[in-house]
């Protein structure tokens, strides 16, 4: 079992920045990948960015060049630095931890990000 607690969401103007944090606890030694997903009402939850234990990073095309994911393994924390925010980045953001094996996904409670003037 892994528990994930997110923080850092809020309201920001277009062009602004926010930094999300996610602290993991529990069976963190089994985590193979951590990442961030986002979801808007009525749509599926989509991957924003992820980082594996080996350091492989993946970004959604829509956030490349604007968002940066990083991970502090010593603190079991993953961050998402979001710059040049756009209205279409408005969503609930969820932290994800993937364990192996079998592959099991754990989710945080979500944090709301609103980009509006």
Protein backbone atom coordinates (compact mmCIF):
# COMPACT_ATOMS: atom_id res chain seq x y z
CA UNK A 1 0.00 0.00 0.00
CA UNK A 2 1.14 3.49 -0.86
CA UNK A 3 -0.39 6.73 0.34
CA UNK A 4 -0.02 9.87 -1.78
CA UNK A 5 -0.68 13.42 -0.61
CA UNK A 6 -0.67 16.27 -3.13
CA UNK A 7 -0.30 19.97 -2.52
CA UNK A 8 0.27 23.15 -4.47
CA UNK A 9 -2.84 23.61 -6.59
CA UNK A 10 -4.77 26.84 -6.83
CA UNK A 11 -5.83 29.73 -9.02
CA UNK A 12 -3.30 31.37 -11.32
CA UNK A 13 -3.50 33.80 -14.21
CA UNK A 14 -2.59 32.74 -17.75
CA UNK A 15 1.15 32.82 -18.19
CA UNK A 16 1.74 32.19 -14.51
CA UNK A 17 3.38 29.30 -12.69
CA UNK A 18 2.48 26.73 -10.07
CA UNK A 19 4.41 23.92 -8.43
CA UNK A 20 2.68 20.75 -7.38
CA UNK A 21 4.15 18.37 -4.82
CA UNK A 22 3.28 14.79 -3.99
CA UNK A 23 4.57 12.98 -0.91
CA UNK A 24 4.51 9.19 -0.92
CA UNK A 25 4.48 6.99 2.15
CA UNK A 26 4.00 3.31 2.87
CA UNK A 27 5.55 0.66 0.60
CA UNK A 28 7.56 3.20 -1.34
CA UNK A 29 10.40 0.75 -1.99
CA UNK A 30 8.13 -1.00 -4.53
CA UNK A 31 7.46 2.15 -6.56
CA UNK A 32 8.80 1.91 -10.11
CA UNK A 33 7.34 5.10 -11.54
CA UNK A 34 5.70 8.29 -10.29
CA UNK A 35 3.77 10.80 -12.27
CA UNK A 36 0.98 13.29 -12.66
CA UNK A 37 -2.31 12.92 -14.46
CA UNK A 38 -5.09 15.43 -14.97
CA UNK A 39 -8.81 15.21 -15.51
CA UNK A 40 -11.58 17.59 -16.43
CA UNK A 41 -15.25 16.76 -15.80
CA UNK A 42 -16.66 14.35 -18.36
CA UNK A 43 -13.29 13.35 -19.75
CA UNK A 44 -10.78 10.62 -19.05
CA UNK A 45 -7.79 11.03 -16.82
CA UNK A 46 -4.73 11.71 -18.97
CA UNK A 47 -1.03 11.45 -18.30
CA UNK A 48 0.72 14.80 -17.90
CA UNK A 49 4.23 13.64 -16.98
CA UNK A 50 5.96 10.67 -15.41
CA UNK A 51 9.43 9.67 -14.24
CA UNK A 52 10.70 6.13 -13.73
CA UNK A 53 13.19 4.88 -11.17
CA UNK A 54 15.75 4.82 -13.96
CA UNK A 55 15.13 8.48 -14.74
CA UNK A 56 13.11 8.09 -17.92
CA UNK A 57 10.76 11.06 -18.24
CA UNK A 58 7.65 11.25 -20.37
CA UNK A 59 5.57 14.35 -21.08
CA UNK A 60 2.24 14.83 -22.78
CA UNK A 61 2.76 16.76 -26.01
CA UNK A 62 0.54 19.55 -24.74
CA UNK A 63 2.88 20.36 -21.83
CA UNK A 64 6.32 19.80 -23.37
CA UNK A 65 8.54 22.82 -22.85
CA UNK A 66 6.26 24.26 -20.17
CA UNK A 67 6.07 21.64 -17.43
CA UNK A 68 8.95 19.94 -15.63
CA UNK A 69 8.67 16.82 -13.52
CA UNK A 70 11.27 15.96 -10.92
CA UNK A 71 11.60 13.40 -8.18
CA UNK A 72 13.46 13.34 -4.89
CA UNK A 73 13.82 9.66 -4.09
CA UNK A 74 15.28 10.36 -0.66
CA UNK A 75 12.07 12.16 0.30
CA UNK A 76 9.73 9.98 -1.78
CA UNK A 77 8.43 13.17 -3.33
CA UNK A 78 7.60 14.07 -6.91
CA UNK A 79 7.15 17.61 -8.16
CA UNK A 80 5.51 19.17 -11.18
CA UNK A 81 6.69 22.66 -12.05
CA UNK A 82 4.13 24.24 -14.34
CA UNK A 83 5.13 27.39 -16.23
CA UNK A 84 3.44 29.42 -18.95
CA UNK A 85 0.10 28.08 -17.81
CA UNK A 86 -2.85 28.24 -20.16
CA UNK A 87 -6.59 28.14 -19.60
CA UNK A 88 -6.65 24.64 -21.08
CA UNK A 89 -4.39 23.43 -18.26
CA UNK A 90 -7.32 23.89 -15.89
CA UNK A 91 -8.10 20.49 -14.38
CA UNK A 92 -7.87 18.31 -11.31
CA UNK A 93 -4.32 17.00 -11.06
CA UNK A 94 -3.66 13.57 -9.56
CA UNK A 95 -0.41 12.11 -8.35
CA UNK A 96 0.23 8.52 -9.39
CA UNK A 97 2.59 5.88 -8.09
CA UNK A 98 3.04 2.64 -10.00
CA UNK A 99 4.27 -0.47 -8.21
CA UNK A 100 5.53 -3.72 -9.59
CA UNK A 101 4.83 -6.64 -9.58
CA UNK A 102 1.97 -7.12 -10.29
CA UNK A 103 1.58 -3.62 -11.70
CA UNK A 104 -0.57 -1.64 -9.29
CA UNK A 105 -1.46 2.04 -9.50
CA UNK A 106 -2.08 4.24 -6.49
CA UNK A 107 -3.63 7.71 -6.63
CA UNK A 108 -3.66 10.83 -4.55
CA UNK A 109 -6.85 12.68 -3.69
CA UNK A 110 -6.27 15.28 -6.41
CA UNK A 111 -5.55 18.98 -6.36
CA UNK A 112 -7.38 21.56 -8.41
CA UNK A 113 -5.55 23.87 -10.80
CA UNK A 114 -7.48 26.76 -12.30
CA UNK A 115 -5.92 29.04 -14.89
CA UNK A 116 -8.06 32.12 -15.35
CA UNK A 117 -7.80 35.87 -15.49
